[in-house]
C-alpha atoms as a PDB file:
ATOM      1  CA  UNK A   1      28.704   8.706   7.996  1.00  0.00           C
ATOM      2  CA  UNK A   2      29.511  11.451  10.610  1.00  0.00           C
ATOM      3  CA  UNK A   3      32.520  11.220  13.210  1.00  0.00           C
ATOM      4  CA  UNK A   4      32.267  13.405  16.900  1.00  0.00           C
ATOM      5  CA  UNK A   5      34.925  16.011  16.070  1.00  0.00           C
ATOM      6  CA  UNK A   6      32.301  16.828  13.053  1.00  0.00           C
ATOM      7  CA  UNK A   7      29.144  17.092  15.263  1.00  0.00           C
ATOM      8  CA  UNK A   8      30.485  20.046  17.153  1.00  0.00           C
ATOM      9  CA  UNK A   9      29.928  22.054  14.233  1.00  0.00           C
ATOM     10  CA  UNK A  10      27.207  20.079  12.028  1.00  0.00           C
ATOM     11  CA  UNK A  11      23.768  21.614  11.805  1.00  0.00           C
ATOM     12  CA  UNK A  12      21.227  18.730  12.266  1.00  0.00           C
ATOM     13  CA  UNK A  13      18.840  20.546   9.977  1.00  0.00           C
ATOM     14  CA  UNK A  14      20.911  19.737   6.792  1.00  0.00           C
ATOM     15  CA  UNK A  15      20.123  16.523   7.032  1.00  0.00           C
ATOM     16  CA  UNK A  16      16.255  17.552   7.025  1.00  0.00           C
ATOM     17  CA  UNK A  17      17.144  19.489   4.300  1.00  0.00           C
ATOM     18  CA  UNK A  18      18.880  16.225   2.232  1.00  0.00           C
ATOM     19  CA  UNK A  19      15.708  14.121   3.238  1.00  0.00           C
ATOM     20  CA  UNK A  20      13.244  16.618   1.793  1.00  0.00           C
ATOM     21  CA  UNK A  21      15.130  17.758  -1.216  1.00  0.00           C
ATOM     22  CA  UNK A  22      16.014  13.314  -2.124  1.00  0.00           C
ATOM     23  CA  UNK A  23      12.021  13.163  -1.790  1.00  0.00           C
ATOM     24  CA  UNK A  24      11.471  15.903  -4.280  1.00  0.00           C
ATOM     25  CA  UNK A  25      13.844  16.210  -6.463  1.00  0.00           C
ATOM     26  CA  UNK A  26      13.326  19.628  -7.130  1.00  0.00           C
ATOM     27  CA  UNK A  27      14.954  22.762  -4.977  1.00  0.00           C
ATOM     28  CA  UNK A  28      11.996  24.609  -5.567  1.00  0.00           C
ATOM     29  CA  UNK A  29       9.256  22.318  -3.628  1.00  0.00           C
ATOM     30  CA  UNK A  30      11.673  21.368  -1.230  1.00  0.00           C
ATOM     31  CA  UNK A  31      12.378  25.152  -0.212  1.00  0.00           C
ATOM     32  CA  UNK A  32       8.297  24.946  -0.268  1.00  0.00           C
ATOM     33  CA  UNK A  33       7.964  22.039   2.405  1.00  0.00           C
ATOM     34  CA  UNK A  34      10.457  23.695   4.681  1.00  0.00           C
ATOM     35  CA  UNK A  35       9.404  27.411   4.623  1.00  0.00           C
ATOM     36  CA  UNK A  36      12.642  28.352   3.337  1.00  0.00           C
ATOM     37  CA  UNK A  37      14.069  30.225   0.186  1.00  0.00           C
ATOM     38  CA  UNK A  38      15.456  28.311  -2.777  1.00  0.00           C
ATOM     39  CA  UNK A  39      18.456  29.850  -2.431  1.00  0.00           C
ATOM     40  CA  UNK A  40      18.510  28.766   1.090  1.00  0.00           C
ATOM     41  CA  UNK A  41      18.223  25.458   0.368  1.00  0.00           C
ATOM     42  CA  UNK A  42      21.152  25.832  -2.637  1.00  0.00           C
ATOM     43  CA  UNK A  43      23.076  27.078   0.273  1.00  0.00           C
ATOM     44  CA  UNK A  44      22.313  24.059   2.666  1.00  0.00           C
ATOM     45  CA  UNK A  45      23.308  21.647  -0.035  1.00  0.00           C
ATOM     46  CA  UNK A  46      26.766  23.808  -0.641  1.00  0.00           C
ATOM     47  CA  UNK A  47      27.261  22.711   2.955  1.00  0.00           C
ATOM     48  CA  UNK A  48      26.540  19.457   2.810  1.00  0.00           C
ATOM     49  CA  UNK A  49      28.486  19.123  -0.302  1.00  0.00           C
ATOM     50  CA  UNK A  50      31.074  20.425   1.309  1.00  0.00           C
ATOM     51  CA  UNK A  51      30.821  18.056   4.598  1.00  0.00           C
ATOM     52  CA  UNK A  52      30.414  15.036   2.969  1.00  0.00           C
ATOM     53  CA  UNK A  53      32.709  15.460  -0.515  1.00  0.00           C
ATOM     54  CA  UNK A  54      29.872  14.693  -2.659  1.00  0.00           C
ATOM     55  CA  UNK A  55      27.940  16.859  -5.060  1.00  0.00           C
ATOM     56  CA  UNK A  56      24.747  14.808  -3.893  1.00  0.00           C
ATOM     57  CA  UNK A  57      22.406  15.893  -6.431  1.00  0.00           C
ATOM     58  CA  UNK A  58      22.670  17.127  -9.825  1.00  0.00           C
ATOM     59  CA  UNK A  59      20.643  19.691 -11.893  1.00  0.00           C
ATOM     60  CA  UNK A  60      18.721  18.697 -14.442  1.00  0.00           C
ATOM     61  CA  UNK A  61      16.089  20.778 -16.661  1.00  0.00           C
ATOM     62  CA  UNK A  62      12.950  19.012 -14.742  1.00  0.00           C
ATOM     63  CA  UNK A  63      14.836  19.228 -11.160  1.00  0.00           C
ATOM     64  CA  UNK A  64      17.870  17.033  -9.449  1.00  0.00           C
ATOM     65  CA  UNK A  65      18.705  13.767  -9.109  1.00  0.00           C
ATOM     66  CA  UNK A  66      20.771  11.976  -6.634  1.00  0.00           C
ATOM     67  CA  UNK A  67      24.314  10.738  -6.994  1.00  0.00           C
ATOM     68  CA  UNK A  68      25.423   7.335  -5.982  1.00  0.00           C
ATOM     69  CA  UNK A  69      26.628   8.442  -2.795  1.00  0.00           C
ATOM     70  CA  UNK A  70      23.347  10.451  -2.127  1.00  0.00           C
ATOM     71  CA  UNK A  71      21.212   7.150  -2.542  1.00  0.00           C
ATOM     72  CA  UNK A  72      23.549   5.269  -0.554  1.00  0.00           C
ATOM     73  CA  UNK A  73      23.197   7.866   2.551  1.00  0.00           C
ATOM     74  CA  UNK A  74      19.419   8.034   2.371  1.00  0.00           C
ATOM     75  CA  UNK A  75      18.767   4.896   4.937  1.00  0.00           C
ATOM     76  CA  UNK A  76      21.807   6.005   7.642  1.00  0.00           C
ATOM     77  CA  UNK A  77      19.937   9.487   6.989  1.00  0.00           C
ATOM     78  CA  UNK A  78      16.334   8.104   7.753  1.00  0.00           C
ATOM     79  CA  UNK A  79      17.741   6.155  10.191  1.00  0.00           C
ATOM     80  CA  UNK A  80      19.300   9.019  12.536  1.00  0.00           C
ATOM     81  CA  UNK A  81      16.171  11.560  12.156  1.00  0.00           C
ATOM     82  CA  UNK A  82      13.837   8.765  13.436  1.00  0.00           C
ATOM     83  CA  UNK A  83      16.075   8.532  16.133  1.00  0.00           C
ATOM     84  CA  UNK A  84      15.943  12.204  16.862  1.00  0.00           C
ATOM     85  CA  UNK A  85      12.093  12.212  16.271  1.00  0.00           C
ATOM     86  CA  UNK A  86      11.762   9.357  18.778  1.00  0.00           C
ATOM     87  CA  UNK A  87      13.337  11.162  20.995  1.00  0.00           C
ATOM     88  CA  UNK A  88      11.080  14.509  20.804  1.00  0.00           C
ATOM     89  CA  UNK A  89       8.285  12.301  20.627  1.00  0.00           C
ATOM     90  CA  UNK A  90       9.182  10.689  23.972  1.00  0.00           C
ATOM     91  CA  UNK A  91       9.863  13.892  25.434  1.00  0.00           C
ATOM     92  CA  UNK A  92       5.737  14.746  24.606  1.00  0.00           C
ATOM     93  CA  UNK A  93       4.292  11.918  24.630  1.00  0.00           C
ATOM     94  CA  UNK A  94       1.907  10.985  21.896  1.00  0.00           C
ATOM     95  CA  UNK A  95      -1.669  11.146  23.469  1.00  0.00           C
ATOM     96  CA  UNK A  96      -4.241  10.077  20.369  1.00  0.00           C
ATOM     97  CA  UNK A  97      -7.508  11.578  22.243  1.00  0.00           C
ATOM     98  CA  UNK A  98      -5.503  15.205  21.848  1.00  0.00           C
ATOM     99  CA  UNK A  99      -3.523  14.839  18.785  1.00  0.00           C
ATOM    100  CA  UNK A 100      -4.017  16.520  15.547  1.00  0.00           C
ATOM    101  CA  UNK A 101      -1.694  14.698  13.431  1.00  0.00           C
ATOM    102  CA  UNK A 102      -2.085  13.108   9.854  1.00  0.00           C
ATOM    103  CA  UNK A 103      -0.744   9.961   8.995  1.00  0.00           C
ATOM    104  CA  UNK A 104      -0.346   8.736   5.006  1.00  0.00           C
ATOM    105  CA  UNK A 105      -1.656   4.881   4.755  1.00  0.00           C
ATOM    106  CA  UNK A 106      -0.443   3.139   1.379  1.00  0.00           C
ATOM    107  CA  UNK A 107      -2.320   0.467  -0.361  1.00  0.00           C
ATOM    108  CA  UNK A 108      -3.718  -0.930  -3.614  1.00  0.00           C
ATOM    109  CA  UNK A 109      -7.383  -0.179  -3.755  1.00  0.00           C
ATOM    110  CA  UNK A 110      -8.668  -3.505  -2.975  1.00  0.00           C
ATOM    111  CA  UNK A 111      -7.368  -3.407   0.452  1.00  0.00           C
ATOM    112  CA  UNK A 112      -8.002   0.432   0.980  1.00  0.00           C
ATOM    113  CA  UNK A 113     -11.524  -0.001   0.629  1.00  0.00           C
ATOM    114  CA  UNK A 114     -11.549  -3.126   2.821  1.00  0.00           C
ATOM    115  CA  UNK A 115      -9.367  -1.122   6.241  1.00  0.00           C
ATOM    116  CA  UNK A 116     -10.913   2.227   5.596  1.00  0.00           C
ATOM    117  CA  UNK A 117     -14.476   2.196   7.463  1.00  0.00           C
ATOM    118  CA  UNK A 118     -13.764   0.259  10.283  1.00  0.00           C
ATOM    119  CA  UNK A 119     -10.281   2.652  11.137  1.00  0.00           C
ATOM    120  CA  UNK A 120     -12.329   5.460  10.720  1.00  0.00           C
ATOM    121  CA  UNK A 121     -15.371   4.398  13.134  1.00  0.00           C
ATOM    122  CA  UNK A 122     -12.057   3.401  15.592  1.00  0.00           C
ATOM    123  CA  UNK A 123     -10.588   6.556  15.173  1.00  0.00           C
ATOM    124  CA  UNK A 124     -13.592   8.328  16.065  1.00  0.00           C
ATOM    125  CA  UNK A 125     -13.818   6.624  19.262  1.00  0.00           C
ATOM    126  CA  UNK A 126     -10.484   6.959  20.857  1.00  0.00           C
ATOM    127  CA  UNK A 127      -8.523   9.856  18.520  1.00  0.00           C
ATOM    128  CA  UNK A 128     -11.196  12.094  17.173  1.00  0.00           C
ATOM    129  CA  UNK A 129      -8.833  14.260  15.790  1.00  0.00           C
ATOM    130  CA  UNK A 130      -6.316  12.455  14.071  1.00  0.00           C
ATOM    131  CA  UNK A 131      -6.570  12.566  10.061  1.00  0.00           C
ATOM    132  CA  UNK A 132      -5.404   9.940   7.248  1.00  0.00           C
ATOM    133  CA  UNK A 133      -4.559  10.532   3.805  1.00  0.00           C
ATOM    134  CA  UNK A 134      -4.814   6.977   1.619  1.00  0.00           C
ATOM    135  CA  UNK A 135      -2.248   6.946  -0.973  1.00  0.00           C
ATOM    136  CA  UNK A 136      -2.878   4.738  -3.812  1.00  0.00           C
ATOM    137  CA  UNK A 137       0.143   1.562  -3.854  1.00  0.00           C
ATOM    138  CA  UNK A 138       0.216  -0.324  -7.039  1.00  0.00           C
ATOM    139  CA  UNK A 139       2.478  -2.921  -7.626  1.00  0.00           C
ATOM    140  CA  UNK A 140       5.632  -2.837 -10.268  1.00  0.00           C
ATOM    141  CA  UNK A 141       4.697  -3.979 -13.871  1.00  0.00           C
ATOM    142  CA  UNK A 142       6.159  -6.925 -15.403  1.00  0.00           C
ATOM    143  CA  UNK A 143       7.152  -8.364 -11.961  1.00  0.00           C
ATOM    144  CA  UNK A 144       5.369 -11.142 -10.531  1.00  0.00           C
ATOM    145  CA  UNK A 145       7.392 -12.034  -7.800  1.00  0.00           C
ATOM    146  CA  UNK A 146       5.795 -10.388  -4.849  1.00  0.00           C
ATOM    147  CA  UNK A 147       9.506  -8.636  -3.465  1.00  0.00           C
ATOM    148  CA  UNK A 148      10.212  -6.957  -6.605  1.00  0.00           C
ATOM    149  CA  UNK A 149       6.231  -6.477  -7.488  1.00  0.00           C
ATOM    150  CA  UNK A 150       5.848  -4.242  -3.925  1.00  0.00           C
ATOM    151  CA  UNK A 151       9.312  -2.657  -3.953  1.00  0.00           C
ATOM    152  CA  UNK A 152       8.420   0.441  -5.039  1.00  0.00           C
ATOM    153  CA  UNK A 153       6.110   0.409  -1.604  1.00  0.00           C
ATOM    154  CA  UNK A 154       9.343  -0.141   0.165  1.00  0.00           C
ATOM    155  CA  UNK A 155      11.196   2.378  -1.365  1.00  0.00           C
ATOM    156  CA  UNK A 156       8.189   4.647  -0.569  1.00  0.00           C
ATOM    157  CA  UNK A 157       8.708   3.707   3.041  1.00  0.00           C
ATOM    158  CA  UNK A 158      12.229   4.596   3.322  1.00  0.00           C
ATOM    159  CA  UNK A 159      11.766   7.860   1.406  1.00  0.00           C
ATOM    160  CA  UNK A 160       8.715   8.814   4.197  1.00  0.00           C
ATOM    161  CA  UNK A 161       6.337   9.353   1.394  1.00  0.00           C
ATOM    162  CA  UNK A 162       4.101   7.140   3.133  1.00  0.00           C
ATOM    163  CA  UNK A 163       3.726   6.190   7.104  1.00  0.00           C
ATOM    164  CA  UNK A 164       2.957   2.672   6.599  1.00  0.00           C
ATOM    165  CA  UNK A 165       2.021   0.288   4.103  1.00  0.00           C
ATOM    166  CA  UNK A 166      -0.459  -2.347   3.833  1.00  0.00           C
ATOM    167  CA  UNK A 167       0.366  -4.984   1.078  1.00  0.00           C
ATOM    168  CA  UNK A 168       0.299  -8.482   0.161  1.00  0.00           C
ATOM    169  CA  UNK A 169       3.706  -9.016   1.177  1.00  0.00           C
ATOM    170  CA  UNK A 170       5.253 -12.005   3.624  1.00  0.00           C
ATOM    171  CA  UNK A 171       9.120 -11.788   2.966  1.00  0.00           C
ATOM    172  CA  UNK A 172      10.157  -8.181   3.756  1.00  0.00           C
ATOM    173  CA  UNK A 173      14.113  -7.225   4.270  1.00  0.00           C
ATOM    174  CA  UNK A 174      15.069  -7.417   7.963  1.00  0.00           C
ATOM    175  CA  UNK A 175      15.198  -3.896   8.217  1.00  0.00           C
ATOM    176  CA  UNK A 176      11.162  -3.496   7.821  1.00  0.00           C
ATOM    177  CA  UNK A 177       8.555  -4.505  10.925  1.00  0.00           C
ATOM    178  CA  UNK A 178       5.566  -6.787   9.230  1.00  0.00           C
ATOM    179  CA  UNK A 179       2.013  -7.568  11.039  1.00  0.00           C
ATOM    180  CA  UNK A 180      -0.463  -9.453   9.728  1.00  0.00           C
ATOM    181  CA  UNK A 181      -3.572  -7.179   9.242  1.00  0.00           C
ATOM    182  CA  UNK A 182      -6.010 -10.183   7.669  1.00  0.00           C
ATOM    183  CA  UNK A 183      -6.148 -13.417   5.292  1.00  0.00           C
ATOM    184  CA  UNK A 184      -7.204 -13.106   2.190  1.00  0.00           C
ATOM    185  CA  UNK A 185      -8.080 -14.970  -0.549  1.00  0.00           C
ATOM    186  CA  UNK A 186     -10.094 -14.759  -4.275  1.00  0.00           C
ATOM    187  CA  UNK A 187     -13.444 -15.861  -5.075  1.00  0.00           C
ATOM    188  CA  UNK A 188     -15.489 -15.856  -8.824  1.00  0.00           C
ATOM    189  CA  UNK A 189     -17.502 -13.023  -8.616  1.00  0.00           C
ATOM    190  CA  UNK A 190     -20.642 -12.113 -10.986  1.00  0.00           C
ATOM    191  CA  UNK A 191     -23.934 -10.726 -11.379  1.00  0.00           C
ATOM    192  CA  UNK A 192     -26.866 -12.409  -9.510  1.00  0.00           C
ATOM    193  CA  UNK A 193     -28.734 -14.711 -12.195  1.00  0.00           C
ATOM    194  CA  UNK A 194     -25.981 -15.310 -14.273  1.00  0.00           C
ATOM    195  CA  UNK A 195     -26.269 -19.139 -15.596  1.00  0.00           C
ATOM    196  CA  UNK A 196     -22.782 -19.825 -14.081  1.00  0.00           C
ATOM    197  CA  UNK A 197     -24.220 -20.220 -10.996  1.00  0.00           C
ATOM    198  CA  UNK A 198     -26.371 -23.384 -11.715  1.00  0.00           C
ATOM    199  CA  UNK A 199     -23.342 -24.582 -14.090  1.00  0.00           C
ATOM    200  CA  UNK A 200     -20.028 -23.487 -12.245  1.00  0.00           C
ATOM    201  CA  UNK A 201     -17.554 -25.750 -13.723  1.00  0.00           C
ATOM    202  CA  UNK A 202     -14.331 -25.793 -14.879  1.00  0.00           C
ATOM    203  CA  UNK A 203     -14.891 -26.347 -18.968  1.00  0.00           C
ATOM    204  CA  UNK A 204     -18.086 -23.571 -18.524  1.00  0.00           C
ATOM    205  CA  UNK A 205     -15.625 -21.488 -16.874  1.00  0.00           C
ATOM    206  CA  UNK A 206     -12.698 -21.312 -19.599  1.00  0.00           C
ATOM    207  CA  UNK A 207     -15.360 -20.615 -22.157  1.00  0.00           C
ATOM    208  CA  UNK A 208     -17.116 -17.611 -20.513  1.00  0.00           C
ATOM    209  CA  UNK A 209     -15.721 -13.815 -21.114  1.00  0.00           C
ATOM    210  CA  UNK A 210     -13.702 -12.954 -18.544  1.00  0.00           C
ATOM    211  CA  UNK A 211     -12.790  -9.386 -16.758  1.00  0.00           C
ATOM    212  CA  UNK A 212      -9.450  -8.695 -15.132  1.00  0.00           C
ATOM    213  CA  UNK A 213      -8.816  -5.742 -12.728  1.00  0.00           C
ATOM    214  CA  UNK A 214      -5.114  -4.387 -13.795  1.00  0.00           C
ATOM    215  CA  UNK A 215      -4.142  -0.930 -13.596  1.00  0.00           C
ATOM    216  CA  UNK A 216      -1.594  -1.620 -16.532  1.00  0.00           C
ATOM    217  CA  UNK A 217      -4.025  -2.898 -18.993  1.00  0.00           C
ATOM    218  CA  UNK A 218      -2.352  -6.840 -18.837  1.00  0.00           C
ATOM    219  CA  UNK A 219      -4.856  -8.870 -19.024  1.00  0.00           C
ATOM    220  CA  UNK A 220      -2.682 -12.014 -18.278  1.00  0.00           C
ATOM    221  CA  UNK A 221      -2.900 -13.270 -14.178  1.00  0.00           C
ATOM    222  CA  UNK A 222      -2.699 -15.529 -11.677  1.00  0.00           C
ATOM    223  CA  UNK A 223      -5.963 -17.351 -13.274  1.00  0.00           C
ATOM    224  CA  UNK A 224      -3.909 -17.674 -16.414  1.00  0.00           C
ATOM    225  CA  UNK A 225      -1.050 -19.682 -14.726  1.00  0.00           C
ATOM    226  CA  UNK A 226      -3.126 -21.969 -12.923  1.00  0.00           C
ATOM    227  CA  UNK A 227      -5.390 -22.409 -15.906  1.00  0.00           C
ATOM    228  CA  UNK A 228      -1.801 -23.173 -17.631  1.00  0.00           C
ATOM    229  CA  UNK A 229      -1.375 -25.944 -15.461  1.00  0.00           C
ATOM    230  CA  UNK A 230      -4.190 -27.681 -16.822  1.00  0.00           C
ATOM    231  CA  UNK A 231      -3.496 -26.866 -20.344  1.00  0.00           C
ATOM    232  CA  UNK A 232      -6.295 -24.822 -20.513  1.00  0.00           C
ATOM    233  CA  UNK A 233      -6.957 -20.885 -21.609  1.00  0.00           C
ATOM    234  CA  UNK A 234      -9.443 -18.577 -21.061  1.00  0.00           C
ATOM    235  CA  UNK A 235     -10.595 -15.306 -22.967  1.00  0.00           C
ATOM    236  CA  UNK A 236     -10.025 -12.102 -21.087  1.00  0.00           C
ATOM    237  CA  UNK A 237     -12.517  -9.652 -23.198  1.00  0.00           C
ATOM    238  CA  UNK A 238     -11.569  -6.946 -20.825  1.00  0.00           C
ATOM    239  CA  UNK A 239      -9.470  -5.443 -18.247  1.00  0.00           C
ATOM    240  CA  UNK A 240     -10.363  -2.345 -15.860  1.00  0.00           C
ATOM    241  CA  UNK A 241      -8.560  -0.358 -13.466  1.00  0.00           C
ATOM    242  CA  UNK A 242      -9.978  -1.113 -10.366  1.00  0.00           C
ATOM    243  CA  UNK A 243     -12.480  -3.419  -7.967  1.00  0.00           C
ATOM    244  CA  UNK A 244     -14.904  -0.733  -7.815  1.00  0.00           C
ATOM    245  CA  UNK A 245     -15.096  -0.469 -11.664  1.00  0.00           C
ATOM    246  CA  UNK A 246     -15.061  -4.493 -12.026  1.00  0.00           C
ATOM    247  CA  UNK A 247     -18.018  -4.492 -10.058  1.00  0.00           C
ATOM    248  CA  UNK A 248     -20.169  -1.727 -11.976  1.00  0.00           C
ATOM    249  CA  UNK A 249     -19.184  -3.828 -15.277  1.00  0.00           C
ATOM    250  CA  UNK A 250     -20.224  -7.343 -13.961  1.00  0.00           C
ATOM    251  CA  UNK A 251     -23.241  -5.953 -12.614  1.00  0.00           C
ATOM    252  CA  UNK A 252     -24.412  -5.432 -16.185  1.00  0.00           C
ATOM    253  CA  UNK A 253     -22.890  -7.924 -18.162  1.00  0.00           C
ATOM    254  CA  UNK A 254     -22.671 -11.436 -18.437  1.00  0.00           C
ATOM    255  CA  UNK A 255     -18.353 -11.879 -17.494  1.00  0.00           C
ATOM    256  CA  UNK A 256     -16.856 -12.923 -14.372  1.00  0.00           C
ATOM    257  CA  UNK A 257     -13.823 -11.856 -12.494  1.00  0.00           C
ATOM    258  CA  UNK A 258     -12.010 -13.135  -9.783  1.00  0.00           C
ATOM    259  CA  UNK A 259     -12.148 -10.535  -6.588  1.00  0.00           C
ATOM    260  CA  UNK A 260     -10.521 -10.445  -3.313  1.00  0.00           C
ATOM    261  CA  UNK A 261     -13.482 -12.019  -0.869  1.00  0.00           C
ATOM    262  CA  UNK A 262     -13.623  -9.645   1.388  1.00  0.00           C
ATOM    263  CA  UNK A 263     -14.082  -7.019  -1.172  1.00  0.00           C
ATOM    264  CA  UNK A 264     -16.842  -8.328  -2.111  1.00  0.00           C
ATOM    265  CA  UNK A 265     -18.457  -9.105   1.048  1.00  0.00           C
ATOM    266  CA  UNK A 266     -18.336  -5.393   1.458  1.00  0.00           C
ATOM    267  CA  UNK A 267     -19.386  -3.966  -1.901  1.00  0.00           C
ATOM    268  CA  UNK A 268     -21.240  -6.657  -3.863  1.00  0.00           C
ATOM    269  CA  UNK A 269     -24.681  -6.132  -2.634  1.00  0.00           C
ATOM    270  CA  UNK A 270     -24.896  -2.632  -3.555  1.00  0.00           C
ATOM    271  CA  UNK A 271     -24.311  -4.274  -7.288  1.00  0.00           C
ATOM    272  CA  UNK A 272     -25.731  -7.068  -7.059  1.00  0.00           C
ATOM    273  CA  UNK A 273     -22.747  -8.777  -7.361  1.00  0.00           C
ATOM    274  CA  UNK A 274     -22.605 -12.589  -5.993  1.00  0.00           C
ATOM    275  CA  UNK A 275     -20.168 -15.070  -5.605  1.00  0.00           C
ATOM    276  CA  UNK A 276     -19.130 -18.888  -6.501  1.00  0.00           C
ATOM    277  CA  UNK A 277     -16.908 -21.249  -5.521  1.00  0.00           C
ATOM    278  CA  UNK A 278     -13.830 -21.353  -7.999  1.00  0.00           C
ATOM    279  CA  UNK A 279     -13.864 -24.380 -10.243  1.00  0.00           C
ATOM    280  CA  UNK A 280     -10.021 -23.716  -9.974  1.00  0.00           C
ATOM    281  CA  UNK A 281      -7.239 -23.502  -7.322  1.00  0.00           C
ATOM    282  CA  UNK A 282      -6.953 -19.499  -5.847  1.00  0.00           C
ATOM    283  CA  UNK A 283      -4.947 -17.716  -3.948  1.00  0.00           C
ATOM    284  CA  UNK A 284      -5.006 -17.156  -0.543  1.00  0.00           C
ATOM    285  CA  UNK A 285      -2.417 -14.505   1.465  1.00  0.00           C
ATOM    286  CA  UNK A 286      -1.569 -12.555   3.971  1.00  0.00           C
ATOM    287  CA  UNK A 287      -2.205  -8.744   3.848  1.00  0.00           C
ATOM    288  CA  UNK A 288       0.363  -7.427   5.751  1.00  0.00           C
ATOM    289  CA  UNK A 289       1.416  -3.905   7.852  1.00  0.00           C
ATOM    290  CA  UNK A 290       4.479  -2.963   7.085  1.00  0.00           C
ATOM    291  CA  UNK A 291       7.197   0.030   8.212  1.00  0.00           C
ATOM    292  CA  UNK A 292      10.671   0.642   8.926  1.00  0.00           C
ATOM    293  CA  UNK A 293      11.535  -0.861  12.299  1.00  0.00           C
ATOM    294  CA  UNK A 294      13.406   2.547  12.546  1.00  0.00           C
ATOM    295  CA  UNK A 295      10.418   4.349  12.513  1.00  0.00           C
ATOM    296  CA  UNK A 296       8.506   2.236  15.263  1.00  0.00           C
ATOM    297  CA  UNK A 297      10.387   4.498  17.631  1.00  0.00           C
ATOM    298  CA  UNK A 298       7.580   6.787  16.551  1.00  0.00           C
ATOM    299  CA  UNK A 299       4.988   7.159  19.697  1.00  0.00           C
ATOM    300  CA  UNK A 300       2.392   7.961  16.714  1.00  0.00           C
ATOM    301  CA  UNK A 301       3.181   5.442  14.221  1.00  0.00           C
ATOM    302  CA  UNK A 302       3.164   2.944  17.020  1.00  0.00           C
ATOM    303  CA  UNK A 303       0.189   3.299  18.302  1.00  0.00           C
ATOM    304  CA  UNK A 304      -1.013   3.323  14.726  1.00  0.00           C
ATOM    305  CA  UNK A 305       0.064  -0.177  14.207  1.00  0.00           C
ATOM    306  CA  UNK A 306      -1.341  -1.155  17.534  1.00  0.00           C
ATOM    307  CA  UNK A 307      -4.596   0.590  16.626  1.00  0.00           C
ATOM    308  CA  UNK A 308      -4.855  -1.931  13.545  1.00  0.00           C
ATOM    309  CA  UNK A 309      -4.424  -4.686  15.548  1.00  0.00           C
ATOM    310  CA  UNK A 310      -8.035  -3.541  17.405  1.00  0.00           C
ATOM    311  CA  UNK A 311      -9.489  -3.222  13.963  1.00  0.00           C
ATOM    312  CA  UNK A 312     -11.560  -5.816  12.410  1.00  0.00           C
ATOM    313  CA  UNK A 313     -11.257  -5.143   8.460  1.00  0.00           C
ATOM    314  CA  UNK A 314     -14.731  -5.083   6.695  1.00  0.00           C
ATOM    315  CA  UNK A 315     -16.221  -6.439  10.076  1.00  0.00           C
ATOM    316  CA  UNK A 316     -15.939 -10.325   8.734  1.00  0.00           C
ATOM    317  CA  UNK A 317     -17.661 -11.701  11.803  1.00  0.00           C
ATOM    318  CA  UNK A 318     -21.226 -10.721  10.531  1.00  0.00           C
ATOM    319  CA  UNK A 319     -20.691 -10.805   7.203  1.00  0.00           C
ATOM    320  CA  UNK A 320     -21.403 -13.823   3.928  1.00  0.00           C
ATOM    321  CA  UNK A 321     -21.184 -13.586   0.831  1.00  0.00           C
ATOM    322  CA  UNK A 322     -24.186 -13.620  -1.319  1.00  0.00           C
ATOM    323  CA  UNK A 323     -24.289 -17.183  -3.230  1.00  0.00           C
ATOM    324  CA  UNK A 324     -26.356 -18.049  -6.303  1.00  0.00           C
ATOM    325  CA  UNK A 325     -29.044 -20.255  -5.337  1.00  0.00           C
ATOM    326  CA  UNK A 326     -27.718 -23.782  -4.422  1.00  0.00           C
ATOM    327  CA  UNK A 327     -24.103 -22.825  -3.323  1.00  0.00           C
ATOM    328  CA  UNK A 328     -23.048 -22.557   0.014  1.00  0.00           C
ATOM    329  CA  UNK A 329     -22.601 -19.076   1.763  1.00  0.00           C
ATOM    330  CA  UNK A 330     -19.128 -18.715   2.341  1.00  0.00           C
ATOM    331  CA  UNK A 331     -18.228 -16.944   5.774  1.00  0.00           C
ATOM    332  CA  UNK A 332     -15.398 -15.079   6.650  1.00  0.00           C
ATOM    333  CA  UNK A 333     -12.757 -16.609   8.482  1.00  0.00           C
END
């Protein structure tokens, strides 16, 4: 992208400006983040355009949009800046006990609810000045393949909107670092005392009203795919946008829902919601920490990834699901 002759006259701050404008898609907001005037941003963009021989950003009524060339440059610019930040961070070693850094973690609500409390407890012990922001990640609508469903999360990582993502995605591109945080599976959740606790057959399961957690309102999910293999179907009477909302509805109705086991272990008792073994196969999958490999050069991010390896999500060793009378308890594994 840049040759040695050019480097003698290039202000590397222009790459920072490029990165921020690409993230914000707006000159005014980029100026606020960089504590510069909009005219200074425009002047910097003019220098970049002359240097790279491309308009880079095109004005629209709502801001700016990147050209194809600008989009192609994003990974290279991110890698250059990550290496520079890595050099700076090694010059002043990251010290978690005295750091006041803020990390942004992206995760679906069913995962962030499981990891947050043990993470905060660990931070209080080893890094009391470090702050955390949780950004909710949602799968892309209309995609069932995980690689496509979580493509927006990978884009947010490369745009540096988030520092790390914690998502149910195994097959990540080679430019990303992946580390398993915990294993998850789904169980059938319902209010304590529900008749299905006594007759948890597949036939009865199909006859009941079902609740599905879906931020888009789409009623079809992995349960329907499993039922279709057997020539069966169910009635989805309600969709809700998050798992906590689902618990409050299950507590007051005769509905049932497939929910993540660890989430239910932590929060089910508050709503008197219990679990029974599913009468059909439900998925089991890995929850992974994902971030660009170049970001691991940042000593602070490398430390955060290592810290997650010390955290026991949801304290599963001491938690059990409350099951109905006559059903075995399901322990964390």
